[in-house]
Amino acid sequence: MIRPHPTTRRPVAMLRRAAVTAVSLALLAAGMTATPAAAAPAAAPGGKAAATGSFVDSTPVPGGFASWSELLRLQQRMNNAAERITKVAERSPNSGFAGIVADPTNRHLQVYWKGEPPASLVATARATVATKVLPAAYSQRELLAAADRLRARAGNEITTVGPRADGAGLLVGTQDGLLGATAMAGVPVTVQTKVAAAPATRWDDSAPWWGGAAWRNASTGGGCSTGFGVFKNGNARILSAAHCGNLNNVATDPTGQSMGTVSTRNAGTDTLLLSAGAGGRVFNNSTAANGDVVSEFNNQVIGASASQVGNWVCTSGAYSGTRCSIQVKARNLCINVRDFGQVCGQVQAENTTGGNAVGQGDSGGPVEIVNAANTLQVWATGTNTAIDDTNTSTACTGYVKTGRVCAWRFYYEDIFSGMAGVGATGVVLG
């Protein structure tokens, strides 16, 4: 996860149905002494960003697309088809569904299936987006069972484990390798070495609280980021990372204004709820080439969307600021976070430029997908958990560029499993 600031210890990322070693992944919280290196751009009264703006337009567009809107329109069609396929597959206990790659730079949706998928399902997908059905050696159900076997036998020798999207076997993260992994799992294993996980706001927000703002744990002195607003029992609450606090810990913004207490917490999904009222918007910013914040603004949350392998996402942490050029590499992972434990429902993503994705202080912050039809709007897709601080460290960006650790590989909790973990029923819309 992404821990409090460097003045506090750093936990590691965790696993969902499979476990990870407690050596590599670090949490993203930050210490009480962290403050912005320079004054944040001018804001409206109450700490609110004065205007809405687009934070992706200045980021290079991958895959030969003319614009981010063009890429995101195709990605949205892919995700719609992927969601329908996944829901149908989950209703069948003997489904051969293995996984999906929804990378718009491929120009087609890749569906992996063991055996023959239902013809009607494929036809429905192809009516939405170009779709290729490819053979898989194992179903996702078989691979999740294999991940459980490997976790039980290898324990802390692994840092991450989960099914490959192509159904070829398991994807396993380790620090120094793992002998006999295939024999222990009973399926082929792709082993990644030197993989670790450690935990990773803005600085003067006001009620209703928005995602991507800084909050402090008055009980421990740690600093984290607010996530998306979500509903629980009809009340709008703030989502963040469980490693940022314990039940009844008091939360404030950096100026000391009360944000309520930690009212619900689930370590297994690394999510918590703050009792203060939440709004349906997130802070974002444009960034200079050197990583400095240029201008700060806000964006409307229009719903929730699951992350698919191959998707392009952005993060919004109070410390690192908004970061894009980030691609999803794996989902349905369980990770083992240093000094914290196992967390499941995790997504692995990487900044494809090698630059900062998230860092300490960004724990609990939003992971978002930009709306293709209107790049001033975002879909909620996750909550920051951990970074690989051992092997993918890179220069920090944003509001606090020194005195903390940042990385280009990180892990975040899927928005749906994260909400389920704390009993939330939906995101607050802007």
Protein backbone atom coordinates (compact mmCIF):
# COMPACT_ATOMS: atom_id res chain seq x y z
CA MET A 1 0.00 0.00 0.00
CA ILE A 2 0.98 3.60 -0.08
CA ARG A 3 1.94 4.49 3.44
CA PRO A 4 1.81 7.65 5.47
CA HIS A 5 4.83 9.87 4.87
CA PRO A 6 8.47 8.70 5.25
CA THR A 7 8.39 9.54 8.94
CA THR A 8 6.24 6.45 9.44
CA ARG A 9 6.96 2.87 8.45
CA ARG A 10 5.86 1.54 5.07
CA PRO A 11 3.58 -1.55 4.73
CA VAL A 12 3.52 -3.79 1.64
CA ALA A 13 0.78 -4.58 -0.85
CA MET A 14 -1.59 -7.48 -0.30
CA LEU A 15 -3.42 -10.38 -1.97
CA ARG A 16 -7.10 -11.06 -2.77
CA ARG A 17 -7.43 -14.85 -3.15
CA ALA A 18 -3.71 -15.48 -3.37
CA ALA A 19 -0.99 -14.06 -1.15
CA VAL A 20 2.18 -12.06 -1.55
CA THR A 21 5.45 -11.77 0.33
CA ALA A 22 5.77 -9.22 3.03
CA VAL A 23 8.95 -7.80 1.57
CA SER A 24 8.35 -5.78 -1.55
CA LEU A 25 5.12 -3.88 -1.72
CA ALA A 26 4.96 -0.72 0.32
CA LEU A 27 2.00 1.28 1.55
CA LEU A 28 1.39 4.83 0.40
CA ALA A 29 0.64 6.82 3.53
CA ALA A 30 2.72 9.86 4.43
CA GLY A 31 4.00 11.46 7.62
CA MET A 32 2.66 14.48 9.43
CA THR A 33 5.61 16.65 8.40
CA ALA A 34 4.84 16.48 4.68
CA THR A 35 3.67 19.77 3.23
CA PRO A 36 3.52 21.04 -0.34
CA ALA A 37 6.87 22.31 -1.58
CA ALA A 38 5.13 25.34 -3.03
CA ALA A 39 1.73 26.92 -2.61
CA ALA A 40 -0.97 25.11 -4.56
CA PRO A 41 -2.61 26.97 -7.45
CA ALA A 42 -5.34 29.41 -6.51
CA ALA A 43 -8.56 27.78 -5.37
CA ALA A 44 -12.11 28.92 -4.83
CA PRO A 45 -13.34 29.64 -1.27
CA GLY A 46 -13.40 26.60 0.97
CA GLY A 47 -10.43 25.00 -0.75
CA LYS A 48 -12.41 23.93 -3.82
CA ALA A 49 -10.70 23.99 -7.20
CA ALA A 50 -12.03 27.01 -9.03
CA ALA A 51 -12.84 25.40 -12.38
CA THR A 52 -13.25 22.13 -14.19
CA GLY A 53 -10.46 21.16 -16.57
CA SER A 54 -9.03 18.36 -18.67
CA PHE A 55 -5.93 16.71 -17.24
CA VAL A 56 -5.30 14.23 -20.06
CA ASP A 57 -5.13 16.52 -23.07
CA SER A 58 -1.47 17.37 -22.47
CA THR A 59 -0.46 13.69 -22.11
CA PRO A 60 0.85 11.92 -25.28
CA VAL A 61 -1.76 9.59 -26.78
CA PRO A 62 -0.55 5.99 -27.28
CA GLY A 63 -1.26 3.61 -30.13
CA GLY A 64 -1.52 6.08 -33.01
CA PHE A 65 -4.87 7.51 -31.95
CA ALA A 66 -5.60 11.10 -32.97
CA SER A 67 -6.80 12.04 -29.48
CA TRP A 68 -7.50 10.65 -26.04
CA SER A 69 -11.21 10.94 -26.80
CA GLU A 70 -10.81 8.60 -29.77
CA LEU A 71 -8.88 6.06 -27.68
CA LEU A 72 -11.28 6.31 -24.74
CA ARG A 73 -14.38 5.87 -26.92
CA LEU A 74 -13.01 2.55 -28.14
CA GLN A 75 -11.94 1.57 -24.59
CA GLN A 76 -15.43 2.34 -23.28
CA ARG A 77 -17.06 0.12 -25.93
CA MET A 78 -14.58 -2.62 -25.03
CA ASN A 79 -15.34 -2.31 -21.32
CA ASN A 80 -19.10 -2.41 -21.93
CA ALA A 81 -18.74 -5.65 -23.87
CA ALA A 82 -16.29 -7.05 -21.29
CA GLU A 83 -18.73 -6.34 -18.45
CA ARG A 84 -21.54 -8.20 -20.21
CA ILE A 85 -19.32 -11.20 -20.94
CA THR A 86 -18.02 -11.33 -17.37
CA LYS A 87 -21.50 -11.19 -15.83
CA VAL A 88 -22.74 -14.04 -18.02
CA ALA A 89 -19.64 -16.12 -17.27
CA GLU A 90 -19.98 -15.60 -13.51
CA ARG A 91 -23.54 -16.97 -13.56
CA SER A 92 -22.34 -20.32 -14.94
CA PRO A 93 -20.44 -22.52 -12.46
CA ASN A 94 -18.83 -24.49 -15.31
CA SER A 95 -17.98 -21.55 -17.53
CA GLY A 96 -14.78 -21.78 -19.54
CA PHE A 97 -14.27 -18.03 -19.27
CA ALA A 98 -10.58 -17.27 -18.69
CA GLY A 99 -10.14 -13.53 -19.04
CA ILE A 100 -10.31 -10.43 -21.21
CA VAL A 101 -7.74 -7.99 -22.57
CA ALA A 102 -9.35 -4.63 -23.40
CA ASP A 103 -6.35 -2.74 -24.76
CA PRO A 104 -7.60 -0.18 -27.28
CA THR A 105 -4.19 -0.04 -28.97
CA ASN A 106 -4.94 -3.59 -30.23
CA ARG A 107 -8.09 -2.24 -31.95
CA HIS A 108 -10.10 -5.30 -30.83
CA LEU A 109 -11.32 -6.95 -27.64
CA GLN A 110 -9.54 -10.22 -26.82
CA VAL A 111 -11.71 -12.80 -25.05
CA TYR A 112 -9.99 -15.93 -23.75
CA TRP A 113 -12.14 -19.04 -23.28
CA LYS A 114 -11.48 -22.69 -22.45
CA GLY A 115 -13.66 -24.59 -24.90
CA GLU A 116 -16.41 -22.99 -26.95
CA PRO A 117 -18.06 -19.84 -25.59
CA PRO A 118 -21.80 -19.32 -26.09
CA ALA A 119 -22.31 -18.13 -29.67
CA SER A 120 -24.92 -15.59 -28.60
CA LEU A 121 -22.49 -14.05 -26.12
CA VAL A 122 -19.82 -13.61 -28.78
CA ALA A 123 -22.34 -12.16 -31.22
CA THR A 124 -23.48 -9.64 -28.61
CA ALA A 125 -19.89 -8.56 -27.97
CA ARG A 126 -19.15 -8.21 -31.68
CA ALA A 127 -22.21 -6.01 -32.08
CA THR A 128 -20.51 -3.56 -29.71
CA VAL A 129 -16.83 -3.79 -30.70
CA ALA A 130 -14.47 -5.86 -32.85
CA THR A 131 -13.89 -9.04 -30.83
CA LYS A 132 -11.52 -11.98 -31.11
CA VAL A 133 -12.17 -15.20 -29.18
CA LEU A 134 -8.91 -16.96 -28.38
CA PRO A 135 -8.31 -20.40 -26.82
CA ALA A 136 -7.31 -20.65 -23.16
CA ALA A 137 -5.66 -23.57 -21.40
CA TYR A 138 -7.48 -22.92 -18.12
CA SER A 139 -10.64 -21.19 -17.00
CA GLN A 140 -10.49 -18.31 -14.53
CA ARG A 141 -12.23 -20.51 -11.95
CA GLU A 142 -9.49 -23.15 -12.28
CA LEU A 143 -6.76 -20.54 -11.99
CA LEU A 144 -8.25 -18.95 -8.87
CA ALA A 145 -8.26 -22.40 -7.24
CA ALA A 146 -4.63 -22.88 -8.32
CA ALA A 147 -3.74 -19.50 -6.81
CA ASP A 148 -5.21 -20.63 -3.50
CA ARG A 149 -3.07 -23.81 -3.63
CA LEU A 150 0.08 -21.86 -4.36
CA ARG A 151 -0.59 -19.33 -1.63
CA ALA A 152 -1.14 -22.11 0.90
CA ARG A 153 2.15 -23.80 -0.03
CA ALA A 154 4.46 -20.88 -0.81
CA GLY A 155 3.20 -18.37 1.77
CA ASN A 156 5.41 -15.34 2.11
CA GLU A 157 7.71 -16.39 -0.72
CA ILE A 158 5.27 -14.71 -3.10
CA THR A 159 4.26 -11.06 -3.18
CA THR A 160 1.41 -11.23 -5.70
CA VAL A 161 -0.60 -14.01 -7.31
CA GLY A 162 -3.56 -14.15 -9.66
CA PRO A 163 -4.81 -15.53 -12.98
CA ARG A 164 -3.34 -14.41 -16.29
CA ALA A 165 -5.93 -12.73 -18.47
CA ASP A 166 -5.10 -15.12 -21.33
CA GLY A 167 -5.85 -18.21 -19.21
CA ALA A 168 -2.37 -19.64 -19.75
CA GLY A 169 -1.66 -19.97 -16.02
CA LEU A 170 -0.86 -17.84 -12.99
CA LEU A 171 1.02 -14.56 -12.76
CA VAL A 172 3.16 -14.64 -9.62
CA GLY A 173 5.29 -11.86 -8.19
CA THR A 174 8.33 -12.67 -6.04
CA GLN A 175 11.38 -10.89 -4.77
CA ASP A 176 14.03 -13.49 -5.69
CA GLY A 177 12.16 -16.14 -7.71
CA LEU A 178 10.31 -19.29 -6.64
CA LEU A 179 11.55 -22.80 -7.31
CA GLY A 180 8.88 -25.42 -7.99
CA ALA A 181 6.07 -22.88 -8.41
CA THR A 182 4.40 -24.82 -11.23
CA ALA A 183 4.43 -28.05 -9.25
CA MET A 184 2.95 -26.34 -6.19
CA ALA A 185 0.20 -24.64 -8.19
CA GLY A 186 -0.58 -27.50 -10.55
CA VAL A 187 -0.72 -25.07 -13.51
CA PRO A 188 1.93 -23.13 -15.46
CA VAL A 189 3.29 -20.16 -13.56
CA THR A 190 4.81 -16.97 -14.94
CA VAL A 191 7.16 -15.75 -12.23
CA GLN A 192 8.11 -12.08 -12.00
CA THR A 193 11.17 -11.37 -9.87
CA LYS A 194 11.92 -8.20 -7.93
CA VAL A 195 8.25 -7.43 -7.35
CA ALA A 196 7.31 -5.68 -4.13
CA ALA A 197 4.36 -3.73 -2.71
CA ALA A 198 4.34 -0.82 -0.27
CA PRO A 199 1.47 1.57 0.70
CA ALA A 200 1.39 5.16 -0.94
CA THR A 201 -3.84 14.38 -0.85
CA ARG A 202 -5.10 18.16 -1.97
CA TRP A 203 -4.34 20.27 1.01
CA ASP A 204 -7.26 22.39 2.19
CA ASP A 205 -10.60 20.97 1.11
CA SER A 206 -13.99 21.52 2.74
CA ALA A 207 -17.32 19.72 3.02
CA PRO A 208 -18.65 18.05 0.97
CA TRP A 209 -15.25 16.42 0.63
CA TRP A 210 -13.89 15.47 -2.80
CA GLY A 211 -11.60 12.66 -3.92
CA GLY A 212 -7.87 13.32 -4.27
CA ALA A 213 -7.61 15.65 -1.24
CA ALA A 214 -5.17 15.36 1.67
CA TRP A 215 -6.33 14.02 5.00
CA ARG A 216 -4.45 13.44 8.24
CA ASN A 217 -4.93 10.81 10.91
CA ALA A 218 -4.95 12.91 14.10
CA SER A 219 -4.35 9.77 16.15
CA THR A 220 -1.19 8.58 14.36
CA GLY A 221 0.08 11.60 12.43
CA GLY A 222 -0.05 9.78 9.09
CA GLY A 223 -1.11 11.45 5.86
CA CYS A 224 -3.19 9.91 3.04
CA SER A 225 -5.54 10.83 0.20
CA THR A 226 -9.31 10.80 0.02
CA GLY A 227 -10.94 8.47 -2.47
CA PHE A 228 -14.29 8.60 -4.22
CA GLY A 229 -17.48 9.48 -2.39
CA VAL A 230 -19.65 6.39 -1.86
CA PHE A 231 -23.03 5.63 -0.32
CA LYS A 232 -23.55 3.50 2.76
CA ASN A 233 -27.01 3.21 4.36
CA GLY A 234 -28.09 6.21 2.31
CA ASN A 235 -25.26 8.43 3.59
CA ALA A 236 -22.46 9.86 1.43
CA ARG A 237 -19.11 8.82 2.92
CA ILE A 238 -15.47 9.13 1.86
CA LEU A 239 -13.58 6.07 0.66
CA SER A 240 -9.87 5.70 1.48
CA ALA A 241 -7.29 3.02 2.37
CA ALA A 242 -7.63 0.84 5.49
CA HIS A 243 -3.91 1.03 6.21
CA CYS A 244 -4.34 4.78 6.78
CA GLY A 245 -6.22 4.35 10.04
CA ASN A 246 -8.13 2.22 12.52
CA LEU A 247 -11.74 2.41 13.63
CA ASN A 248 -12.63 5.65 15.48
CA ASN A 249 -9.37 7.39 14.51
CA VAL A 250 -10.06 11.10 14.00
CA ALA A 251 -9.52 12.50 10.49
CA THR A 252 -8.70 16.14 9.66
CA ASP A 253 -7.53 18.04 6.62
CA PRO A 254 -3.99 19.49 6.81
CA THR A 255 -5.36 22.74 8.28
CA GLY A 256 -6.93 20.86 11.20
CA GLN A 257 -10.54 20.99 9.99
CA SER A 258 -12.48 17.92 11.16
CA MET A 259 -13.44 15.29 8.57
CA GLY A 260 -15.07 12.92 11.06
CA THR A 261 -13.74 9.51 12.08
CA VAL A 262 -12.94 6.15 10.54
CA SER A 263 -16.41 4.60 10.74
CA THR A 264 -15.93 1.38 8.73
CA ARG A 265 -12.76 -0.54 7.89
CA ASN A 266 -11.85 -3.74 6.01
CA ALA A 267 -8.18 -4.74 5.94
CA GLY A 268 -8.88 -7.57 3.48
CA THR A 269 -9.77 -5.06 0.76
CA ASP A 270 -7.66 -2.22 2.20
CA THR A 271 -10.62 0.16 2.23
CA LEU A 272 -12.20 2.34 4.92
CA LEU A 273 -14.89 4.98 5.18
CA LEU A 274 -14.57 8.40 6.81
CA SER A 275 -17.81 9.58 8.39
CA ALA A 276 -17.72 13.10 6.90
CA GLY A 277 -20.04 13.88 3.98
CA ALA A 278 -18.65 13.33 0.48
CA GLY A 279 -19.27 15.02 -2.86
CA GLY A 280 -19.26 13.56 -6.35
CA ARG A 281 -16.15 15.24 -7.70
CA VAL A 282 -12.38 14.69 -7.66
CA PHE A 283 -9.39 17.00 -7.67
CA ASN A 284 -7.09 16.81 -10.70
CA ASN A 285 -4.34 18.94 -12.17
CA SER A 286 -2.25 19.51 -15.24
CA THR A 287 1.48 18.81 -14.88
CA ALA A 288 4.64 20.32 -16.35
CA ALA A 289 7.37 18.18 -17.93
CA ASN A 290 9.37 18.35 -14.67
CA GLY A 291 6.44 16.99 -12.63
CA ASP A 292 5.36 20.32 -11.10
CA VAL A 293 1.67 21.14 -10.74
CA VAL A 294 0.62 23.74 -13.32
CA SER A 295 -3.08 24.24 -12.63
CA GLU A 296 -5.58 22.55 -10.34
CA PHE A 297 -9.23 21.90 -11.09
CA ASN A 298 -12.08 19.47 -10.42
CA ASN A 299 -13.87 16.79 -12.40
CA GLN A 300 -17.33 15.27 -12.16
CA VAL A 301 -17.72 11.60 -11.21
CA ILE A 302 -20.33 10.01 -13.47
CA GLY A 303 -20.29 6.38 -12.27
CA ALA A 304 -18.14 3.35 -11.54
CA SER A 305 -16.33 1.10 -14.02
CA ALA A 306 -14.31 -2.06 -13.45
CA SER A 307 -10.70 -2.07 -14.73
CA GLN A 308 -9.88 -4.45 -17.57
CA VAL A 309 -6.39 -5.64 -18.49
CA GLY A 310 -5.06 -3.26 -21.15
CA ASN A 311 -7.13 -0.27 -19.99
CA TRP A 312 -5.60 3.20 -19.66
CA VAL A 313 -6.26 4.88 -16.31
CA CYS A 314 -5.14 7.93 -14.31
CA THR A 315 -4.44 8.40 -10.60
CA SER A 316 -5.10 11.47 -8.45
CA GLY A 317 -3.15 11.60 -5.19
CA ALA A 318 -2.84 14.62 -2.95
CA TYR A 319 0.94 14.28 -2.91
CA SER A 320 1.85 13.16 -6.46
CA GLY A 321 -0.97 14.98 -8.21
CA THR A 322 -2.69 13.59 -11.29
CA ARG A 323 -0.73 10.96 -13.23
CA CYS A 324 -1.73 9.39 -16.55
CA SER A 325 -0.07 7.17 -19.24
CA ILE A 326 -0.87 4.29 -16.86
CA GLN A 327 -1.94 0.89 -18.21
CA VAL A 328 -3.57 -2.03 -16.37
CA LYS A 329 -1.41 -5.17 -16.48
CA ALA A 330 -3.32 -7.65 -14.27
CA ARG A 331 -6.47 -7.88 -12.16
CA ASN A 332 -8.03 -10.21 -9.56
CA LEU A 333 -4.72 -10.30 -7.66
CA CYS A 334 -4.06 -11.00 -4.03
CA ILE A 335 -0.99 -9.17 -2.75
CA ASN A 336 1.08 -9.36 0.42
CA VAL A 337 1.82 -5.91 1.78
CA ARG A 338 4.79 -5.37 4.02
CA ASP A 339 3.84 -4.88 7.67
CA PHE A 340 0.13 -5.03 6.78
CA GLY A 341 -0.93 -8.40 5.37
CA GLN A 342 -2.89 -9.88 2.51
CA VAL A 343 -5.22 -7.83 0.34
CA CYS A 344 -7.37 -9.22 -2.49
CA GLY A 345 -9.33 -7.64 -5.33
CA GLN A 346 -6.18 -5.83 -6.45
CA VAL A 347 -5.26 -4.46 -9.88
CA GLN A 348 -1.63 -4.10 -11.03
CA ALA A 349 -0.86 -1.09 -13.22
CA GLU A 350 2.26 0.61 -14.57
CA ASN A 351 3.20 4.04 -15.87
CA THR A 352 4.30 3.16 -19.41
CA THR A 353 6.71 6.11 -19.53
CA GLY A 354 8.66 4.92 -16.48
CA GLY A 355 7.58 8.05 -14.60
CA ASN A 356 5.79 8.29 -11.28
CA ALA A 357 2.40 6.58 -11.04
CA VAL A 358 1.81 7.08 -7.30
CA GLY A 359 3.87 7.44 -4.15
CA GLN A 360 3.74 7.81 -0.40
CA GLY A 361 0.84 10.01 0.67
CA ASP A 362 -1.33 8.90 -2.28
CA SER A 363 -2.82 5.95 -0.36
CA GLY A 364 -6.59 5.84 -0.62
CA GLY A 365 -6.63 8.24 -3.56
CA PRO A 366 -8.76 7.74 -6.69
CA VAL A 367 -7.90 5.71 -9.76
CA GLU A 368 -10.07 7.00 -12.58
CA ILE A 369 -10.99 6.35 -16.20
CA VAL A 370 -11.62 9.47 -18.25
CA ASN A 371 -15.00 9.60 -20.01
CA ALA A 372 -14.48 9.30 -23.75
CA ALA A 373 -17.53 11.43 -24.57
CA ASN A 374 -16.45 14.26 -22.26
CA THR A 375 -12.88 14.33 -20.92
CA LEU A 376 -13.99 16.67 -18.12
CA GLN A 377 -15.74 13.69 -16.51
CA VAL A 378 -14.37 10.51 -14.90
CA TRP A 379 -15.46 7.01 -13.95
CA ALA A 380 -14.42 5.66 -10.54
CA THR A 381 -12.34 2.51 -11.04
CA GLY A 382 -10.20 2.01 -7.91
CA THR A 383 -8.48 3.11 -4.70
CA ASN A 384 -4.67 3.33 -4.31
CA THR A 385 -3.16 0.63 -2.11
CA ALA A 386 0.56 -0.05 -2.64
CA ILE A 387 3.70 0.58 -4.67
CA ASP A 388 6.64 -1.60 -5.63
CA ASP A 389 9.11 0.62 -3.80
CA THR A 390 11.96 -1.91 -3.99
CA ASN A 391 12.26 -2.30 -7.75
CA THR A 392 10.35 0.45 -9.58
CA SER A 393 11.18 3.58 -7.59
CA THR A 394 11.30 6.77 -9.61
CA ALA A 395 11.35 10.54 -9.09
CA CYS A 396 8.29 11.93 -7.31
CA THR A 397 6.01 14.52 -8.88
CA GLY A 398 3.31 16.91 -7.80
CA TYR A 399 2.85 18.80 -4.56
CA VAL A 400 5.58 17.08 -2.51
CA LYS A 401 8.47 16.02 -4.72
CA THR A 402 11.10 15.30 -2.06
CA GLY A 403 11.28 13.31 1.17
CA ARG A 404 9.07 10.43 0.03
CA VAL A 405 9.16 7.35 -2.24
CA CYS A 406 7.31 7.02 -5.55
CA ALA A 407 7.13 4.25 -8.16
CA TRP A 408 6.00 3.45 -11.70
CA ARG A 409 4.40 0.12 -10.72
CA PHE A 410 1.56 0.12 -8.22
CA TYR A 411 -1.52 -1.74 -7.00
CA TYR A 412 -5.04 -0.54 -6.38
CA GLU A 413 -8.29 -2.03 -5.10
CA ASP A 414 -11.00 -2.47 -7.71
CA ILE A 415 -13.84 -0.02 -7.02
CA PHE A 416 -16.50 -2.73 -6.76
CA SER A 417 -14.65 -5.08 -4.42
CA GLY A 418 -13.45 -2.08 -2.41
CA MET A 419 -16.99 -0.81 -1.92
CA ALA A 420 -18.25 -4.28 -1.08
CA GLY A 421 -15.58 -4.56 1.60
CA VAL A 422 -17.03 -1.61 3.52
CA GLY A 423 -20.69 -2.21 2.69
CA ALA A 424 -20.98 0.69 0.22
CA THR A 425 -23.65 0.41 -2.46
CA GLY A 426 -22.55 2.93 -5.10
CA VAL A 427 -20.46 6.00 -5.87
CA VAL A 428 -21.61 9.57 -5.26
CA LEU A 429 -22.23 11.29 -8.60
CA GLY A 430 -21.23 14.87 -9.30
